[in-house]
């Protein structure tokens, strides 16, 4: 049977409507995909930002909670809760910090280090000013005791020095912005939570800082293998700043020139240098000994 002109026009109209509808759906689908891709990217960035500043390990996270510092969230490995993990959970609940139980694989993805089943996400480390360190000594009614680190690039060394300095009662540590490790998750772990209590200043120029400390009445003591005096032969009482140089190069030339005195640690073996954190510990505790 032959179709009428009206039927043909009607069918053509229907086909055009279907074609436009399919085109609209395809456009909508493409827009949805673009929106989804735009939305996915910020989520991934937020995830990375959360993990950028973390503290891991039971002692480190516990000390973080005790220090009342800001904590975004704590991830805890799913499973039996024994030992210090129970204390971490209790203190987190008391501090109203969100805790999330996750599989070990999740924690392993956040850090390659030994996390001991717990990781805390924190804001970036809050560095202080030199004036804050001197003010702390004043508040405690103690003579200022500062440690300056010249070129300590290994985060393990930095963490160990921070831990030693905190136990010795040092009021603050100064690190330069260049040629120096900064406070990160590895430093916090090695410091065993001491970064939660230690004031750390990050400065543009170590020599300018030395001059500022001299103006405040501090005596600048540098450590160098070529020094003429041994560390325990010098008078290290009163307001003092101890400078520790890098293992490979020691103190820079200008920093060495700006020191009031240079001291050395006796070497009896065939190896003529110490790990920077060990050298720092020896001199720091000589200061403690002489002042007490």
Protein backbone atom coordinates (compact mmCIF):
# COMPACT_ATOMS: atom_id res chain seq x y z
CA UNK A 1 0.00 0.00 0.00
CA UNK A 2 1.39 3.40 -0.91
CA UNK A 3 1.89 5.94 1.87
CA UNK A 4 0.17 9.30 1.67
CA UNK A 5 2.16 12.54 1.63
CA UNK A 6 0.93 13.31 5.15
CA UNK A 7 2.15 9.92 6.45
CA UNK A 8 5.54 10.47 4.87
CA UNK A 9 5.88 13.89 6.47
CA UNK A 10 4.76 12.50 9.84
CA UNK A 11 7.32 9.68 9.70
CA UNK A 12 10.06 12.12 8.68
CA UNK A 13 9.17 14.36 11.63
CA UNK A 14 9.34 11.41 14.03
CA UNK A 15 12.75 10.35 12.68
CA UNK A 16 14.08 13.91 13.07
CA UNK A 17 12.82 14.04 16.68
CA UNK A 18 14.53 10.71 17.47
CA UNK A 19 17.73 11.94 15.84
CA UNK A 20 17.70 15.18 17.88
CA UNK A 21 16.95 13.23 21.07
CA UNK A 22 19.91 10.89 20.49
CA UNK A 23 22.15 13.87 19.75
CA UNK A 24 21.03 15.58 22.97
CA UNK A 25 21.75 12.43 24.98
CA UNK A 26 25.22 12.12 23.46
CA UNK A 27 26.02 15.76 24.26
CA UNK A 28 24.76 15.31 27.80
CA UNK A 29 26.92 12.18 28.20
CA UNK A 30 30.02 14.04 26.99
CA UNK A 31 29.35 16.94 29.36
CA UNK A 32 28.83 14.51 32.22
CA UNK A 33 32.17 12.88 31.48
CA UNK A 34 33.89 16.27 31.43
CA UNK A 35 32.26 17.20 34.75
CA UNK A 36 33.26 13.85 36.24
CA UNK A 37 36.87 14.31 35.15
CA UNK A 38 36.93 17.83 36.57
CA UNK A 39 35.49 16.57 39.83
CA UNK A 40 37.88 13.61 40.08
CA UNK A 41 41.03 15.72 39.95
CA UNK A 42 40.39 17.85 43.06
CA UNK A 43 39.46 14.73 45.04
CA UNK A 44 42.81 13.15 44.17
CA UNK A 45 44.63 16.38 45.07
CA UNK A 46 42.85 16.55 48.41
CA UNK A 47 43.84 12.96 49.13
CA UNK A 48 47.49 13.71 48.39
CA UNK A 49 47.35 16.85 50.53
CA UNK A 50 46.04 14.86 53.47
CA UNK A 51 48.97 12.46 53.22
CA UNK A 52 51.60 15.15 52.60
CA UNK A 53 52.18 15.89 56.31
CA UNK A 54 51.91 12.77 58.39
CA UNK A 55 53.26 11.41 61.64
CA UNK A 56 53.58 7.65 61.92
CA UNK A 57 54.61 5.23 64.65
CA UNK A 58 53.02 4.66 68.05
CA UNK A 59 55.33 6.82 70.19
CA UNK A 60 55.28 9.71 67.73
CA UNK A 61 51.48 9.76 67.39
CA UNK A 62 51.02 9.39 71.15
CA UNK A 63 53.31 12.34 71.87
CA UNK A 64 51.48 14.31 69.19
CA UNK A 65 48.19 13.73 71.01
CA UNK A 66 49.74 14.67 74.36
CA UNK A 67 51.06 17.95 72.92
CA UNK A 68 47.53 19.11 71.98
CA UNK A 69 48.62 20.00 68.44
CA UNK A 70 46.12 20.05 65.60
CA UNK A 71 45.46 16.62 64.09
CA UNK A 72 43.28 16.14 61.03
CA UNK A 73 42.69 12.43 61.33
CA UNK A 74 44.25 9.21 62.64
CA UNK A 75 44.28 5.98 60.64
CA UNK A 76 44.59 2.78 62.69
CA UNK A 77 45.21 -0.71 61.36
CA UNK A 78 42.17 -2.96 61.58
CA UNK A 79 42.54 -5.86 64.00
CA UNK A 80 43.24 -6.52 67.67
CA UNK A 81 44.00 -3.36 69.67
CA UNK A 82 46.78 -4.02 72.17
CA UNK A 83 49.44 -2.00 73.98
CA UNK A 84 49.86 1.70 73.23
CA UNK A 85 47.27 1.58 70.41
CA UNK A 86 44.55 1.44 73.06
CA UNK A 87 45.98 4.57 74.69
CA UNK A 88 46.14 6.33 71.32
CA UNK A 89 42.47 5.54 70.65
CA UNK A 90 41.46 6.73 74.13
CA UNK A 91 43.39 10.02 73.85
CA UNK A 92 42.08 10.62 70.32
CA UNK A 93 38.54 10.15 71.57
CA UNK A 94 39.21 12.52 74.46
CA UNK A 95 40.63 15.12 72.05
CA UNK A 96 37.73 14.55 69.62
CA UNK A 97 40.10 13.53 66.83
CA UNK A 98 38.55 11.39 64.10
CA UNK A 99 39.97 7.85 63.98
CA UNK A 100 39.45 5.48 61.06
CA UNK A 101 40.12 1.74 61.00
CA UNK A 102 41.70 0.61 57.71
CA UNK A 103 43.50 -2.38 56.29
CA UNK A 104 47.30 -2.55 56.62
CA UNK A 105 47.61 -2.12 52.85
CA UNK A 106 46.07 1.36 53.15
CA UNK A 107 48.72 2.42 55.68
CA UNK A 108 51.46 0.84 53.57
CA UNK A 109 50.31 2.99 50.64
CA UNK A 110 50.60 6.14 52.77
CA UNK A 111 54.21 5.55 53.84
CA UNK A 112 56.96 3.09 53.01
CA UNK A 113 58.34 3.37 56.55
CA UNK A 114 57.43 1.21 59.55
CA UNK A 115 54.17 2.83 60.66
CA UNK A 116 53.44 0.33 63.50
CA UNK A 117 49.77 0.32 62.56
CA UNK A 118 49.02 4.01 63.09
CA UNK A 119 49.35 7.20 61.03
CA UNK A 120 48.19 10.71 61.90
CA UNK A 121 47.50 13.43 59.33
CA UNK A 122 48.56 16.89 60.50
CA UNK A 123 48.79 20.47 59.16
CA UNK A 124 52.24 21.58 57.87
CA UNK A 125 54.87 22.04 60.60
CA UNK A 126 54.58 25.42 62.28
CA UNK A 127 58.05 26.98 62.29
CA UNK A 128 58.71 29.80 64.73
CA UNK A 129 60.85 32.95 64.80
CA UNK A 130 64.16 33.45 66.64
CA UNK A 131 62.36 35.83 68.99
CA UNK A 132 59.98 33.02 70.00
CA UNK A 133 62.92 30.84 71.08
CA UNK A 134 64.44 33.62 73.18
CA UNK A 135 61.03 34.41 74.65
CA UNK A 136 60.61 30.79 75.75
CA UNK A 137 63.90 30.95 77.67
CA UNK A 138 62.70 34.17 79.30
CA UNK A 139 59.37 32.60 80.29
CA UNK A 140 61.19 29.66 81.88
CA UNK A 141 63.60 32.07 83.61
CA UNK A 142 66.55 30.20 82.09
CA UNK A 143 69.64 31.29 80.20
CA UNK A 144 69.04 30.84 76.46
CA UNK A 145 70.32 27.61 74.93
CA UNK A 146 70.02 27.36 71.15
CA UNK A 147 71.31 24.86 68.58
CA UNK A 148 72.08 25.98 65.02
CA UNK A 149 72.38 23.38 62.26
CA UNK A 150 74.53 24.27 59.27
CA UNK A 151 73.87 21.98 56.31
CA UNK A 152 72.22 18.99 58.03
CA UNK A 153 70.47 17.47 55.01
CA UNK A 154 69.76 13.96 56.32
CA UNK A 155 66.27 13.87 57.93
CA UNK A 156 67.39 11.02 60.22
CA UNK A 157 70.18 13.21 61.61
CA UNK A 158 67.81 16.14 62.03
CA UNK A 159 65.29 13.97 63.85
CA UNK A 160 67.94 12.53 66.17
CA UNK A 161 69.29 16.01 67.01
CA UNK A 162 65.79 17.33 67.74
CA UNK A 163 65.19 14.41 70.10
CA UNK A 164 68.48 14.96 71.94
CA UNK A 165 67.95 18.72 72.12
CA UNK A 166 64.45 18.34 73.56
CA UNK A 167 65.60 15.94 76.29
CA UNK A 168 68.48 18.30 77.15
CA UNK A 169 66.21 21.32 77.57
CA UNK A 170 67.36 23.26 74.50
CA UNK A 171 65.00 26.17 73.93
CA UNK A 172 65.06 26.01 70.15
CA UNK A 173 66.75 24.82 66.98
CA UNK A 174 67.60 26.95 63.94
CA UNK A 175 67.87 25.53 60.43
CA UNK A 176 68.48 27.37 57.14
CA UNK A 177 65.94 27.24 54.32
CA UNK A 178 68.62 26.08 51.89
CA UNK A 179 70.91 23.05 52.24
CA UNK A 180 68.91 21.61 55.10
CA UNK A 181 66.38 18.91 55.77
CA UNK A 182 62.98 20.23 56.82
CA UNK A 183 60.62 18.77 59.39
CA UNK A 184 58.69 15.96 57.72
CA UNK A 185 57.23 12.59 58.66
CA UNK A 186 60.65 10.89 58.77
CA UNK A 187 62.06 13.58 61.06
CA UNK A 188 59.03 13.33 63.36
CA UNK A 189 59.37 9.54 63.53
CA UNK A 190 63.10 9.60 64.32
CA UNK A 191 62.55 12.39 66.87
CA UNK A 192 60.06 10.08 68.59
CA UNK A 193 57.55 12.88 69.07
CA UNK A 194 60.03 15.58 70.13
CA UNK A 195 59.01 17.78 67.19
CA UNK A 196 55.71 18.32 69.03
CA UNK A 197 57.56 20.18 71.81
CA UNK A 198 60.63 21.71 70.19
CA UNK A 199 60.62 25.23 68.77
CA UNK A 200 62.29 25.23 65.35
CA UNK A 201 63.07 28.36 63.34
CA UNK A 202 63.75 28.20 59.60
CA UNK A 203 65.78 31.19 58.47
CA UNK A 204 67.01 32.69 55.20
CA UNK A 205 70.54 33.43 56.38
CA UNK A 206 72.30 31.62 59.21
CA UNK A 207 74.94 34.34 59.58
CA UNK A 208 72.31 37.05 60.07
CA UNK A 209 70.75 34.85 62.75
CA UNK A 210 74.13 34.42 64.46
CA UNK A 211 74.51 38.20 64.61
CA UNK A 212 71.02 38.52 66.04
CA UNK A 213 71.83 35.96 68.74
CA UNK A 214 75.08 37.77 69.55
CA UNK A 215 73.14 41.00 69.98
CA UNK A 216 70.87 39.14 72.40
CA UNK A 217 73.93 38.21 74.47
CA UNK A 218 74.51 34.61 73.35
CA UNK A 219 77.99 33.12 72.95
CA UNK A 220 78.39 31.28 69.62
CA UNK A 221 80.26 27.97 69.88
CA UNK A 222 81.16 26.22 66.63
CA UNK A 223 82.28 22.62 66.21
CA UNK A 224 85.21 21.95 63.87
CA UNK A 225 87.85 19.24 63.55
CA UNK A 226 90.63 21.82 63.17
CA UNK A 227 89.71 23.65 66.40
CA UNK A 228 92.51 24.05 68.96
CA UNK A 229 90.36 23.47 72.06
CA UNK A 230 88.49 20.35 73.12
CA UNK A 231 84.78 20.80 73.87
CA UNK A 232 85.16 20.00 77.58
CA UNK A 233 88.09 22.41 78.09
CA UNK A 234 86.07 25.51 77.26
CA UNK A 235 83.68 27.44 79.48
CA UNK A 236 80.22 26.68 78.07
CA UNK A 237 78.14 28.33 80.77
CA UNK A 238 75.69 31.20 80.29
CA UNK A 239 73.63 32.11 77.20
CA UNK A 240 74.96 29.91 74.39
CA UNK A 241 74.31 28.79 70.83
CA UNK A 242 76.02 25.63 69.59
CA UNK A 243 76.61 25.29 65.84
CA UNK A 244 76.73 21.80 64.31
CA UNK A 245 77.99 21.46 60.74
CA UNK A 246 77.30 18.78 58.16
CA UNK A 247 79.14 15.46 58.21
CA UNK A 248 80.68 15.92 54.80
CA UNK A 249 81.76 19.56 54.89
CA UNK A 250 81.37 20.76 58.48
CA UNK A 251 80.42 24.38 59.06
CA UNK A 252 80.51 26.78 56.13
CA UNK A 253 83.46 29.18 56.05
CA UNK A 254 81.54 32.34 56.99
CA UNK A 255 79.62 30.64 59.80
CA UNK A 256 82.94 29.38 61.17
CA UNK A 257 84.38 32.90 61.05
CA UNK A 258 81.36 34.30 62.89
CA UNK A 259 81.65 31.83 65.77
CA UNK A 260 83.13 33.21 69.00
CA UNK A 261 85.03 30.00 69.70
CA UNK A 262 85.59 26.67 67.97
CA UNK A 263 85.75 23.34 69.79
CA UNK A 264 86.47 19.78 68.75
CA UNK A 265 85.80 16.27 70.02
CA UNK A 266 88.87 14.03 70.51
CA UNK A 267 89.27 11.25 67.93
CA UNK A 268 91.30 8.20 68.98
CA UNK A 269 90.53 5.76 66.17
CA UNK A 270 91.25 5.60 62.47
CA UNK A 271 87.88 7.21 61.59
CA UNK A 272 88.25 10.96 62.03
CA UNK A 273 84.65 12.12 62.13
CA UNK A 274 81.42 11.42 64.00
CA UNK A 275 77.83 11.24 62.85
CA UNK A 276 76.44 14.78 63.12
CA UNK A 277 73.72 13.76 65.58
CA UNK A 278 76.27 11.99 67.81
CA UNK A 279 78.58 15.03 67.79
CA UNK A 280 75.62 17.26 68.60
CA UNK A 281 74.64 15.05 71.53
CA UNK A 282 78.16 15.13 73.03
CA UNK A 283 78.46 18.93 72.90
CA UNK A 284 74.85 19.59 73.93
CA UNK A 285 75.21 17.49 77.07
CA UNK A 286 78.53 19.11 77.94
CA UNK A 287 76.62 22.42 78.01
CA UNK A 288 73.99 20.80 80.25
CA UNK A 289 76.70 19.39 82.55
CA UNK A 290 78.50 22.72 82.95
CA UNK A 291 75.30 24.66 83.60
CA UNK A 292 74.05 22.27 86.26
